Amino acid sequence: MVYEPSSLLVLLLVGLIAGWLAGKIVRGAGFGIIADMAIGIVGAFFGSWLLARFGIFFGFGIIAAIINATIGAVILLAIVKLIRRI
């Protein structure tokens, strides 16, 4: 699968915003800009999958993508925070 540069840029932007927001929501779990962006990107996929399983739909567009990614990233950061305590 080949992605256009603009869609990759949007994915990185959404991941960056979602990772930063998740780092602020889950205090003390931020890992720096690069790791937060990676968590935001993985959170985007995870959040979209999880919310679809529960029948939750926020709509289309960049705002909906950021909301999905942020929810997924918050869940991932909470899991990572729990694992780091063990």
PDB file of N, CA and C in Angstrom:
ATOM      1  N   MET A   1       0.845  -1.166   0.000  1.00  0.00           N
ATOM      2  CA  MET A   1       0.000   0.000   0.000  1.00  0.00           C
ATOM      3  C   MET A   1       0.897   1.237   0.000  1.00  0.00           C
ATOM      4  N   VAL A   2       0.615   2.153  -0.902  1.00  0.00           N
ATOM      5  CA  VAL A   2       1.396   3.381  -1.028  1.00  0.00           C
ATOM      6  C   VAL A   2       0.560   4.541  -0.511  1.00  0.00           C
ATOM      7  N   TYR A   3       1.154   5.329   0.348  1.00  0.00           N
ATOM      8  CA  TYR A   3       0.468   6.491   0.899  1.00  0.00           C
ATOM      9  C   TYR A   3       1.003   7.747   0.232  1.00  0.00           C
ATOM     10  N   GLU A   4       0.140   8.716   0.093  1.00  0.00           N
ATOM     11  CA  GLU A   4       0.562  10.008  -0.406  1.00  0.00           C
ATOM     12  C   GLU A   4       1.280  10.748   0.714  1.00  0.00           C
ATOM     13  N   PRO A   5       2.237  11.593   0.366  1.00  0.00           N
ATOM     14  CA  PRO A   5       2.948  12.346   1.414  1.00  0.00           C
ATOM     15  C   PRO A   5       2.013  13.177   2.280  1.00  0.00           C
ATOM     16  N   SER A   6       0.951  13.720   1.703  1.00  0.00           N
ATOM     17  CA  SER A   6       0.043  14.554   2.500  1.00  0.00           C
ATOM     18  C   SER A   6      -0.708  13.722   3.532  1.00  0.00           C
ATOM     19  N   SER A   7      -1.093  12.480   3.187  1.00  0.00           N
ATOM     20  CA  SER A   7      -1.794  11.655   4.165  1.00  0.00           C
ATOM     21  C   SER A   7      -0.853  11.202   5.272  1.00  0.00           C
ATOM     22  N   LEU A   8       0.398  10.971   4.953  1.00  0.00           N
ATOM     23  CA  LEU A   8       1.375  10.634   5.989  1.00  0.00           C
ATOM     24  C   LEU A   8       1.600  11.821   6.911  1.00  0.00           C
ATOM     25  N   LEU A   9       1.607  13.010   6.338  1.00  0.00           N
ATOM     26  CA  LEU A   9       1.767  14.214   7.146  1.00  0.00           C
ATOM     27  C   LEU A   9       0.589  14.395   8.094  1.00  0.00           C
ATOM     28  N   VAL A  10      -0.616  14.133   7.610  1.00  0.00           N
ATOM     29  CA  VAL A  10      -1.809  14.233   8.448  1.00  0.00           C
ATOM     30  C   VAL A  10      -1.755  13.197   9.562  1.00  0.00           C
ATOM     31  N   LEU A  11      -1.336  11.959   9.229  1.00  0.00           N
ATOM     32  CA  LEU A  11      -1.204  10.905  10.237  1.00  0.00           C
ATOM     33  C   LEU A  11      -0.202  11.307  11.313  1.00  0.00           C
ATOM     34  N   LEU A  12       0.929  11.869  10.913  1.00  0.00           N
ATOM     35  CA  LEU A  12       1.928  12.314  11.887  1.00  0.00           C
ATOM     36  C   LEU A  12       1.402  13.471  12.730  1.00  0.00           C
ATOM     37  N   LEU A  13       0.679  14.379  12.108  1.00  0.00           N
ATOM     38  CA  LEU A  13       0.119  15.515  12.841  1.00  0.00           C
ATOM     39  C   LEU A  13      -0.916  15.047  13.855  1.00  0.00           C
ATOM     40  N   VAL A  14      -1.809  14.162  13.430  1.00  0.00           N
ATOM     41  CA  VAL A  14      -2.819  13.618  14.343  1.00  0.00           C
ATOM     42  C   VAL A  14      -2.136  12.856  15.472  1.00  0.00           C
ATOM     43  N   GLY A  15      -1.124  12.045  15.142  1.00  0.00           N
ATOM     44  CA  GLY A  15      -0.390  11.306  16.165  1.00  0.00           C
ATOM     45  C   GLY A  15       0.316  12.213  17.147  1.00  0.00           C
ATOM     46  N   LEU A  16       0.904  13.279  16.652  1.00  0.00           N
ATOM     47  CA  LEU A  16       1.593  14.230  17.514  1.00  0.00           C
ATOM     48  C   LEU A  16       0.621  14.912  18.472  1.00  0.00           C
ATOM     49  N   ILE A  17      -0.492  15.381  17.943  1.00  0.00           N
ATOM     50  CA  ILE A  17      -1.488  16.064  18.781  1.00  0.00           C
ATOM     51  C   ILE A  17      -2.090  15.090  19.793  1.00  0.00           C
ATOM     52  N   ALA A  18      -2.457  13.901  19.327  1.00  0.00           N
ATOM     53  CA  ALA A  18      -3.072  12.917  20.228  1.00  0.00           C
ATOM     54  C   ALA A  18      -2.085  12.451  21.291  1.00  0.00           C
ATOM     55  N   GLY A  19      -0.843  12.227  20.919  1.00  0.00           N
ATOM     56  CA  GLY A  19       0.169  11.818  21.896  1.00  0.00           C
ATOM     57  C   GLY A  19       0.420  12.895  22.939  1.00  0.00           C
ATOM     58  N   TRP A  20       0.464  14.147  22.483  1.00  0.00           N
ATOM     59  CA  TRP A  20       0.663  15.250  23.416  1.00  0.00           C
ATOM     60  C   TRP A  20      -0.524  15.379  24.364  1.00  0.00           C
ATOM     61  N   LEU A  21      -1.735  15.317  23.812  1.00  0.00           N
ATOM     62  CA  LEU A  21      -2.934  15.397  24.652  1.00  0.00           C
ATOM     63  C   LEU A  21      -2.994  14.243  25.650  1.00  0.00           C
ATOM     64  N   ALA A  22      -2.680  13.041  25.190  1.00  0.00           N
ATOM     65  CA  ALA A  22      -2.706  11.875  26.075  1.00  0.00           C
ATOM     66  C   ALA A  22      -1.669  12.023  27.182  1.00  0.00           C
ATOM     67  N   GLY A  23      -0.498  12.574  26.847  1.00  0.00           N
ATOM     68  CA  GLY A  23       0.528  12.817  27.860  1.00  0.00           C
ATOM     69  C   GLY A  23       0.065  13.807  28.916  1.00  0.00           C
ATOM     70  N   LYS A  24      -0.746  14.794  28.498  1.00  0.00           N
ATOM     71  CA  LYS A  24      -1.283  15.769  29.445  1.00  0.00           C
ATOM     72  C   LYS A  24      -2.409  15.166  30.296  1.00  0.00           C
ATOM     73  N   ILE A  25      -3.223  14.313  29.676  1.00  0.00           N
ATOM     74  CA  ILE A  25      -4.345  13.703  30.396  1.00  0.00           C
ATOM     75  C   ILE A  25      -3.844  12.684  31.409  1.00  0.00           C
ATOM     76  N   VAL A  26      -2.922  11.826  30.980  1.00  0.00           N
ATOM     77  CA  VAL A  26      -2.342  10.816  31.869  1.00  0.00           C
ATOM     78  C   VAL A  26      -1.038  11.412  32.400  1.00  0.00           C
ATOM     79  N   ARG A  27      -1.153  12.146  33.459  1.00  0.00           N
ATOM     80  CA  ARG A  27       0.010  12.884  33.985  1.00  0.00           C
ATOM     81  C   ARG A  27       1.155  11.948  34.358  1.00  0.00           C
ATOM     82  N   GLY A  28       2.359  12.407  34.044  1.00  0.00           N
ATOM     83  CA  GLY A  28       3.548  11.642  34.395  1.00  0.00           C
ATOM     84  C   GLY A  28       3.835  10.481  33.456  1.00  0.00           C
ATOM     85  N   ALA A  29       3.067  10.351  32.382  1.00  0.00           N
ATOM     86  CA  ALA A  29       3.279   9.223  31.479  1.00  0.00           C
ATOM     87  C   ALA A  29       3.800   9.662  30.124  1.00  0.00           C
ATOM     88  N   GLY A  30       4.116  10.929  29.945  1.00  0.00           N
ATOM     89  CA  GLY A  30       4.679  11.383  28.680  1.00  0.00           C
ATOM     90  C   GLY A  30       6.095  10.859  28.515  1.00  0.00           C
ATOM     91  N   PHE A  31       6.458  10.516  27.287  1.00  0.00           N
ATOM     92  CA  PHE A  31       7.770   9.915  27.031  1.00  0.00           C
ATOM     93  C   PHE A  31       8.621  10.752  26.104  1.00  0.00           C
ATOM     94  N   GLY A  32       8.270  11.998  25.861  1.00  0.00           N
ATOM     95  CA  GLY A  32       9.007  12.829  24.920  1.00  0.00           C
ATOM     96  C   GLY A  32       8.238  12.922  23.614  1.00  0.00           C
ATOM     97  N   ILE A  33       8.633  13.851  22.776  1.00  0.00           N
ATOM     98  CA  ILE A  33       7.868  14.162  21.573  1.00  0.00           C
ATOM     99  C   ILE A  33       7.793  12.991  20.594  1.00  0.00           C
ATOM    100  N   ILE A  34       8.897  12.293  20.366  1.00  0.00           N
ATOM    101  CA  ILE A  34       8.915  11.193  19.395  1.00  0.00           C
ATOM    102  C   ILE A  34       8.093  10.014  19.907  1.00  0.00           C
ATOM    103  N   ALA A  35       8.300   9.631  21.148  1.00  0.00           N
ATOM    104  CA  ALA A  35       7.556   8.499  21.712  1.00  0.00           C
ATOM    105  C   ALA A  35       6.074   8.846  21.853  1.00  0.00           C
ATOM    106  N   ASP A  36       5.762  10.082  22.236  1.00  0.00           N
ATOM    107  CA  ASP A  36       4.356  10.492  22.325  1.00  0.00           C
ATOM    108  C   ASP A  36       3.697  10.445  20.953  1.00  0.00           C
ATOM    109  N   MET A  37       4.430  10.848  19.913  1.00  0.00           N
ATOM    110  CA  MET A  37       3.882  10.786  18.569  1.00  0.00           C
ATOM    111  C   MET A  37       3.637   9.332  18.160  1.00  0.00           C
ATOM    112  N   ALA A  38       4.571   8.455  18.478  1.00  0.00           N
ATOM    113  CA  ALA A  38       4.399   7.030  18.153  1.00  0.00           C
ATOM    114  C   ALA A  38       3.204   6.452  18.904  1.00  0.00           C
ATOM    115  N   ILE A  39       3.078   6.793  20.175  1.00  0.00           N
ATOM    116  CA  ILE A  39       1.939   6.321  20.960  1.00  0.00           C
ATOM    117  C   ILE A  39       0.644   6.901  20.394  1.00  0.00           C
ATOM    118  N   GLY A  40       0.677   8.141  19.942  1.00  0.00           N
ATOM    119  CA  GLY A  40      -0.496   8.747  19.326  1.00  0.00           C
ATOM    120  C   GLY A  40      -0.905   8.055  18.038  1.00  0.00           C
ATOM    121  N   ILE A  41       0.078   7.662  17.216  1.00  0.00           N
ATOM    122  CA  ILE A  41      -0.222   6.964  15.965  1.00  0.00           C
ATOM    123  C   ILE A  41      -0.782   5.583  16.252  1.00  0.00           C
ATOM    124  N   VAL A  42      -0.149   4.844  17.154  1.00  0.00           N
ATOM    125  CA  VAL A  42      -0.669   3.523  17.526  1.00  0.00           C
ATOM    126  C   VAL A  42      -2.030   3.690  18.192  1.00  0.00           C
ATOM    127  N   GLY A  43      -2.169   4.722  19.001  1.00  0.00           N
ATOM    128  CA  GLY A  43      -3.447   5.011  19.646  1.00  0.00           C
ATOM    129  C   GLY A  43      -4.546   5.313  18.643  1.00  0.00           C
ATOM    130  N   ALA A  44      -4.192   5.914  17.517  1.00  0.00           N
ATOM    131  CA  ALA A  44      -5.185   6.197  16.480  1.00  0.00           C
ATOM    132  C   ALA A  44      -5.775   4.904  15.936  1.00  0.00           C
ATOM    133  N   PHE A  45      -4.921   3.947  15.659  1.00  0.00           N
ATOM    134  CA  PHE A  45      -5.403   2.660  15.172  1.00  0.00           C
ATOM    135  C   PHE A  45      -6.183   1.918  16.257  1.00  0.00           C
ATOM    136  N   PHE A  46      -5.625   1.900  17.464  1.00  0.00           N
ATOM    137  CA  PHE A  46      -6.250   1.205  18.576  1.00  0.00           C
ATOM    138  C   PHE A  46      -7.593   1.849  18.941  1.00  0.00           C
ATOM    139  N   GLY A  47      -7.611   3.175  19.009  1.00  0.00           N
ATOM    140  CA  GLY A  47      -8.838   3.887  19.358  1.00  0.00           C
ATOM    141  C   GLY A  47      -9.925   3.678  18.314  1.00  0.00           C
ATOM    142  N   SER A  48      -9.564   3.730  17.048  1.00  0.00           N
ATOM    143  CA  SER A  48     -10.549   3.507  15.991  1.00  0.00           C
ATOM    144  C   SER A  48     -11.120   2.097  16.065  1.00  0.00           C
ATOM    145  N   TRP A  49     -10.259   1.129  16.304  1.00  0.00           N
ATOM    146  CA  TRP A  49     -10.701  -0.260  16.403  1.00  0.00           C
ATOM    147  C   TRP A  49     -11.596  -0.452  17.632  1.00  0.00           C
ATOM    148  N   LEU A  50     -11.158   0.047  18.774  1.00  0.00           N
ATOM    149  CA  LEU A  50     -11.892  -0.153  20.020  1.00  0.00           C
ATOM    150  C   LEU A  50     -13.243   0.560  20.004  1.00  0.00           C
ATOM    151  N   LEU A  51     -13.253   1.796  19.555  1.00  0.00           N
ATOM    152  CA  LEU A  51     -14.504   2.548  19.530  1.00  0.00           C
ATOM    153  C   LEU A  51     -15.497   1.928  18.552  1.00  0.00           C
ATOM    154  N   ALA A  52     -15.004   1.389  17.444  1.00  0.00           N
ATOM    155  CA  ALA A  52     -15.887   0.712  16.485  1.00  0.00           C
ATOM    156  C   ALA A  52     -16.513  -0.531  17.119  1.00  0.00           C
ATOM    157  N   ARG A  53     -15.764  -1.234  17.964  1.00  0.00           N
ATOM    158  CA  ARG A  53     -16.290  -2.419  18.651  1.00  0.00           C
ATOM    159  C   ARG A  53     -17.441  -2.067  19.586  1.00  0.00           C
ATOM    160  N   PHE A  54     -17.397  -0.885  20.166  1.00  0.00           N
ATOM    161  CA  PHE A  54     -18.460  -0.437  21.059  1.00  0.00           C
ATOM    162  C   PHE A  54     -19.537   0.367  20.349  1.00  0.00           C
ATOM    163  N   GLY A  55     -19.397   0.534  19.031  1.00  0.00           N
ATOM    164  CA  GLY A  55     -20.394   1.264  18.253  1.00  0.00           C
ATOM    165  C   GLY A  55     -20.351   2.767  18.443  1.00  0.00           C
ATOM    166  N   ILE A  56     -19.204   3.296  18.863  1.00  0.00           N
ATOM    167  CA  ILE A  56     -19.056   4.730  19.086  1.00  0.00           C
ATOM    168  C   ILE A  56     -18.446   5.343  17.830  1.00  0.00           C
ATOM    169  N   PHE A  57     -19.077   6.390  17.310  1.00  0.00           N
ATOM    170  CA  PHE A  57     -18.634   7.027  16.080  1.00  0.00           C
ATOM    171  C   PHE A  57     -18.687   8.537  16.266  1.00  0.00           C
ATOM    172  N   PHE A  58     -17.556   9.202  16.082  1.00  0.00           N
ATOM    173  CA  PHE A  58     -17.469  10.649  16.261  1.00  0.00           C
ATOM    174  C   PHE A  58     -17.607  11.426  14.968  1.00  0.00           C
ATOM    175  N   GLY A  59     -17.660  10.746  13.842  1.00  0.00           N
ATOM    176  CA  GLY A  59     -17.793  11.429  12.564  1.00  0.00           C
ATOM    177  C   GLY A  59     -16.512  11.336  11.756  1.00  0.00           C
ATOM    178  N   PHE A  60     -16.443  12.171  10.738  1.00  0.00           N
ATOM    179  CA  PHE A  60     -15.292  12.188   9.844  1.00  0.00           C
ATOM    180  C   PHE A  60     -14.500  13.469  10.052  1.00  0.00           C
ATOM    181  N   GLY A  61     -13.306  13.498   9.543  1.00  0.00           N
ATOM    182  CA  GLY A  61     -12.495  14.701   9.589  1.00  0.00           C
ATOM    183  C   GLY A  61     -11.370  14.607  10.603  1.00  0.00           C
ATOM    184  N   ILE A  62     -10.602  15.652  10.640  1.00  0.00           N
ATOM    185  CA  ILE A  62      -9.395  15.675  11.467  1.00  0.00           C
ATOM    186  C   ILE A  62      -9.736  15.724  12.955  1.00  0.00           C
ATOM    187  N   ILE A  63     -10.789  16.426  13.328  1.00  0.00           N
ATOM    188  CA  ILE A  63     -11.168  16.518  14.744  1.00  0.00           C
ATOM    189  C   ILE A  63     -11.579  15.141  15.262  1.00  0.00           C
ATOM    190  N   ALA A  64     -12.379  14.423  14.482  1.00  0.00           N
ATOM    191  CA  ALA A  64     -12.784  13.067  14.877  1.00  0.00           C
ATOM    192  C   ALA A  64     -11.575  12.148  14.964  1.00  0.00           C
ATOM    193  N   ALA A  65     -10.624  12.304  14.043  1.00  0.00           N
ATOM    194  CA  ALA A  65      -9.408  11.490  14.073  1.00  0.00           C
ATOM    195  C   ALA A  65      -8.584  11.787  15.323  1.00  0.00           C
ATOM    196  N   ILE A  66      -8.512  13.044  15.701  1.00  0.00           N
ATOM    197  CA  ILE A  66      -7.759  13.419  16.905  1.00  0.00           C
ATOM    198  C   ILE A  66      -8.446  12.870  18.151  1.00  0.00           C
ATOM    199  N   ILE A  67      -9.771  12.929  18.189  1.00  0.00           N
ATOM    200  CA  ILE A  67     -10.505  12.389  19.343  1.00  0.00           C
ATOM    201  C   ILE A  67     -10.281  10.883  19.452  1.00  0.00           C
ATOM    202  N   ASN A  68     -10.434  10.163  18.336  1.00  0.00           N
ATOM    203  CA  ASN A  68     -10.193   8.716  18.335  1.00  0.00           C
ATOM    204  C   ASN A  68      -8.776   8.388  18.779  1.00  0.00           C
ATOM    205  N   ALA A  69      -7.814   9.081  18.194  1.00  0.00           N
ATOM    206  CA  ALA A  69      -6.412   8.814  18.509  1.00  0.00           C
ATOM    207  C   ALA A  69      -6.096   9.140  19.959  1.00  0.00           C
ATOM    208  N   THR A  70      -6.670  10.219  20.476  1.00  0.00           N
ATOM    209  CA  THR A  70      -6.422  10.599  21.864  1.00  0.00           C
ATOM    210  C   THR A  70      -6.988   9.568  22.826  1.00  0.00           C
ATOM    211  N   ILE A  71      -8.196   9.099  22.560  1.00  0.00           N
ATOM    212  CA  ILE A  71      -8.791   8.070  23.414  1.00  0.00           C
ATOM    213  C   ILE A  71      -7.930   6.811  23.397  1.00  0.00           C
ATOM    214  N   GLY A  72      -7.515   6.387  22.214  1.00  0.00           N
ATOM    215  CA  GLY A  72      -6.653   5.207  22.107  1.00  0.00           C
ATOM    216  C   GLY A  72      -5.312   5.410  22.787  1.00  0.00           C
ATOM    217  N   ALA A  73      -4.710   6.595  22.619  1.00  0.00           N
ATOM    218  CA  ALA A  73      -3.410   6.873  23.232  1.00  0.00           C
ATOM    219  C   ALA A  73      -3.508   6.949  24.749  1.00  0.00           C
ATOM    220  N   VAL A  74      -4.605   7.508  25.278  1.00  0.00           N
ATOM    221  CA  VAL A  74      -4.797   7.556  26.734  1.00  0.00           C
ATOM    222  C   VAL A  74      -4.878   6.141  27.289  1.00  0.00           C
ATOM    223  N   ILE A  75      -5.622   5.277  26.617  1.00  0.00           N
ATOM    224  CA  ILE A  75      -5.725   3.885  27.066  1.00  0.00           C
ATOM    225  C   ILE A  75      -4.365   3.204  27.013  1.00  0.00           C
ATOM    226  N   LEU A  76      -3.626   3.420  25.912  1.00  0.00           N
ATOM    227  CA  LEU A  76      -2.292   2.813  25.806  1.00  0.00           C
ATOM    228  C   LEU A  76      -1.339   3.345  26.879  1.00  0.00           C
ATOM    229  N   LEU A  77      -1.367   4.649  27.121  1.00  0.00           N
ATOM    230  CA  LEU A  77      -0.499   5.212  28.161  1.00  0.00           C
ATOM    231  C   LEU A  77      -0.869   4.686  29.542  1.00  0.00           C
ATOM    232  N   ALA A  78      -2.152   4.520  29.802  1.00  0.00           N
ATOM    233  CA  ALA A  78      -2.571   3.963  31.095  1.00  0.00           C
ATOM    234  C   ALA A  78      -2.073   2.532  31.246  1.00  0.00           C
ATOM    235  N   ILE A  79      -2.140   1.746  30.177  1.00  0.00           N
ATOM    236  CA  ILE A  79      -1.631   0.374  30.222  1.00  0.00           C
ATOM    237  C   ILE A  79      -0.129   0.363  30.443  1.00  0.00           C
ATOM    238  N   VAL A  80       0.592   1.224  29.716  1.00  0.00           N
ATOM    239  CA  VAL A  80       2.051   1.302  29.890  1.00  0.00           C
ATOM    240  C   VAL A  80       2.406   1.734  31.297  1.00  0.00           C
ATOM    241  N   LYS A  81       1.660   2.692  31.841  1.00  0.00           N
ATOM    242  CA  LYS A  81       1.908   3.166  33.209  1.00  0.00           C
ATOM    243  C   LYS A  81       1.692   2.049  34.221  1.00  0.00           C
ATOM    244  N   LEU A  82       0.652   1.241  34.015  1.00  0.00           N
ATOM    245  CA  LEU A  82       0.416   0.103  34.906  1.00  0.00           C
ATOM    246  C   LEU A  82       1.523  -0.934  34.802  1.00  0.00           C
ATOM    247  N   ILE A  83       1.971  -1.211  33.595  1.00  0.00           N
ATOM    248  CA  ILE A  83       3.028  -2.207  33.391  1.00  0.00           C
ATOM    249  C   ILE A  83       4.343  -1.722  34.009  1.00  0.00           C
ATOM    250  N   ARG A  84       4.635  -0.442  33.899  1.00  0.00           N
ATOM    251  CA  ARG A  84       5.888   0.101  34.464  1.00  0.00           C
ATOM    252  C   ARG A  84       5.895   0.022  35.984  1.00  0.00           C
ATOM    253  N   ARG A  85       4.717   0.014  36.612  1.00  0.00           N
ATOM    254  CA  ARG A  85       4.647  -0.096  38.082  1.00  0.00           C
ATOM    255  C   ARG A  85       4.985  -1.493  38.558  1.00  0.00           C
ATOM    256  N   ILE A  86       4.719  -2.474  37.720  1.00  0.00           N
ATOM    257  CA  ILE A  86       4.910  -3.861  38.134  1.00  0.00           C
ATOM    258  C   ILE A  86       6.368  -4.223  38.179  1.00  0.00           C
TER     259      ILE A  86
END
